[in-house]
Amino acid sequence: MRSPRFGRNRYRNDRMVRRSSRENAVPPSKNGVPRPVEQIHDALTRPLTQKVVQSGRTIRRPELRKIVPLGDTTIYEMEQRGEFPRRFYLTARCVVWDLAEVEAWIEERRRASDAAQFKRAPAPDVRLRKNRRVRQ
């Protein structure tokens, strides 16, 4: 038996689909109370405000690694201490950083380095190593 999509009954089936989709449409709201579908439509068609759009670009982890030469653990620990821009979730699995915040953080670090505000780590004393000792 042939599928009703093909052959004589094709036009009739299309009309039935169109009619059924019209019947399932959301009726207009009563008493001025918007329905959930209308609320979603209004939210999607509403112009974006300046407060919602703060920065134009976000970056994911591979791009962040190219910009900031730190390991994942170091970045995570610095975020927890409040020393690095916080990540945020676009979806349940997609983590991004705001590019403007990361660039501002790098510029702040550059200024702090130029002002010699960072205490540099001391060079290791290789004579105190237990393995591969340096002969005197």
Protein backbone atom coordinates (compact mmCIF):
# COMPACT_ATOMS: atom_id res chain seq x y z
CA MET A 1 0.00 0.00 0.00
CA ARG A 2 1.32 3.42 -0.90
CA SER A 3 1.86 6.20 1.58
CA PRO A 4 -0.86 8.87 1.65
CA ARG A 5 1.86 11.51 1.12
CA PHE A 6 2.02 10.49 -2.50
CA GLY A 7 -0.72 10.08 -5.05
CA ARG A 8 -4.30 11.31 -5.11
CA ASN A 9 -4.70 11.92 -1.39
CA ARG A 10 -1.72 14.20 -1.04
CA TYR A 11 -3.65 17.47 -1.43
CA ARG A 12 -6.37 16.28 0.93
CA ASN A 13 -3.79 15.39 3.61
CA ASP A 14 -2.11 18.78 3.31
CA ARG A 15 -5.45 20.53 3.79
CA MET A 16 -6.09 18.42 6.90
CA VAL A 17 -2.72 19.34 8.36
CA ARG A 18 -3.31 23.04 7.75
CA ARG A 19 -6.76 22.87 9.29
CA SER A 20 -5.55 20.99 12.37
CA SER A 21 -2.72 23.48 12.98
CA ARG A 22 -5.26 26.32 12.85
CA GLU A 23 -7.46 24.55 15.34
CA ASN A 24 -4.54 24.10 17.76
CA ALA A 25 -3.58 27.78 17.67
CA VAL A 26 -3.68 29.68 20.95
CA PRO A 27 -6.89 31.69 21.21
CA PRO A 28 -6.57 35.37 22.04
CA SER A 29 -6.29 36.33 25.70
CA LYS A 30 -9.36 37.27 27.67
CA ASN A 31 -9.63 40.25 30.02
CA GLY A 32 -6.21 41.56 28.91
CA VAL A 33 -4.28 38.84 30.76
CA PRO A 34 -1.44 37.67 28.49
CA ARG A 35 -1.02 33.98 27.94
CA PRO A 36 2.39 32.33 28.49
CA VAL A 37 2.99 32.10 24.73
CA GLU A 38 2.37 35.83 24.38
CA GLN A 39 4.72 36.58 27.27
CA ILE A 40 7.50 34.58 25.61
CA HIS A 41 6.84 36.28 22.28
CA ASP A 42 6.95 39.71 23.93
CA ALA A 43 10.24 38.86 25.67
CA LEU A 44 11.82 37.68 22.43
CA THR A 45 10.69 40.64 20.35
CA ARG A 46 11.42 43.29 22.98
CA PRO A 47 14.48 45.43 22.10
CA LEU A 48 17.56 44.63 24.16
CA THR A 49 18.49 47.22 26.76
CA GLN A 50 21.97 48.49 27.46
CA LYS A 51 21.96 46.74 30.83
CA VAL A 52 21.41 43.31 29.28
CA VAL A 53 24.16 43.65 26.70
CA GLN A 54 27.27 44.72 28.59
CA SER A 55 29.94 43.33 26.30
CA GLY A 56 29.80 42.06 22.79
CA ARG A 57 32.07 39.03 22.92
CA THR A 58 32.52 35.97 25.07
CA ILE A 59 35.28 33.40 24.82
CA ARG A 60 35.42 29.71 25.61
CA ARG A 61 38.22 27.82 27.33
CA PRO A 62 40.48 27.18 24.27
CA GLU A 63 40.49 30.88 23.39
CA LEU A 64 41.10 31.80 27.05
CA ARG A 65 44.14 29.48 27.09
CA LYS A 66 45.56 31.32 24.07
CA ILE A 67 45.08 34.70 25.76
CA VAL A 68 46.03 33.77 29.33
CA PRO A 69 48.92 31.29 29.65
CA LEU A 70 47.72 29.76 32.91
CA GLY A 71 46.51 26.24 33.65
CA ASP A 72 42.88 25.33 34.26
CA THR A 73 43.45 24.67 37.97
CA THR A 74 45.23 27.98 38.47
CA ILE A 75 42.43 29.87 36.73
CA TYR A 76 39.80 28.04 38.79
CA GLU A 77 41.59 28.78 42.08
CA MET A 78 42.05 32.43 41.15
CA GLU A 79 38.32 32.67 40.32
CA GLN A 80 37.46 31.23 43.71
CA ARG A 81 39.68 33.83 45.43
CA GLY A 82 38.19 36.63 43.31
CA GLU A 83 41.47 37.40 41.51
CA PHE A 84 40.29 36.43 38.02
CA PRO A 85 37.09 37.25 36.06
CA ARG A 86 34.29 34.80 36.83
CA ARG A 87 33.05 32.35 34.23
CA PHE A 88 29.36 31.99 33.49
CA TYR A 89 27.23 29.34 31.85
CA LEU A 90 25.51 29.85 28.51
CA THR A 91 24.04 26.35 28.69
CA ALA A 92 24.41 23.44 31.07
CA ARG A 93 27.70 22.46 29.40
CA CYS A 94 29.00 25.67 27.81
CA VAL A 95 31.21 27.83 30.04
CA VAL A 96 32.41 31.24 28.79
CA TRP A 97 34.29 34.31 30.01
CA ASP A 98 33.62 37.91 29.07
CA LEU A 99 36.45 38.98 26.77
CA ALA A 100 36.37 42.61 27.96
CA GLU A 101 36.77 41.49 31.60
CA VAL A 102 39.69 39.19 30.73
CA GLU A 103 41.44 41.94 28.75
CA ALA A 104 40.89 44.41 31.61
CA TRP A 105 42.37 41.85 34.04
CA ILE A 106 45.45 41.41 31.82
CA GLU A 107 45.90 45.19 31.59
CA GLU A 108 45.57 45.48 35.38
CA ARG A 109 48.22 42.78 35.81
CA ARG A 110 50.51 44.59 33.36
CA ARG A 111 50.19 47.85 35.31
CA ALA A 112 50.80 46.06 38.62
CA SER A 113 53.88 44.36 37.16
CA ASP A 114 55.24 47.66 35.85
CA ALA A 115 54.75 49.20 39.30
CA ALA A 116 56.60 46.22 40.86
CA GLN A 117 53.70 45.38 43.15
CA PHE A 118 54.16 41.63 42.75
CA LYS A 119 56.52 39.87 45.08
CA ARG A 120 58.53 37.57 42.87
CA ALA A 121 59.11 34.00 43.93
CA PRO A 122 62.66 33.30 45.10
CA ALA A 123 64.88 31.19 42.89
CA PRO A 124 65.14 27.61 44.12
CA ASP A 125 68.29 26.60 45.94
CA VAL A 126 69.49 23.68 43.83
CA ARG A 127 72.01 22.64 46.49
CA LEU A 128 69.15 21.58 48.77
CA ARG A 129 67.66 19.11 46.30
CA LYS A 130 67.59 15.45 47.35
CA ASN A 131 67.66 14.10 43.81
CA ARG A 132 70.15 15.25 41.16
CA ARG A 133 72.26 17.23 43.59
CA VAL A 134 74.60 19.83 42.26
CA ARG A 135 78.23 18.96 42.95
CA GLN A 136 80.38 21.61 44.46
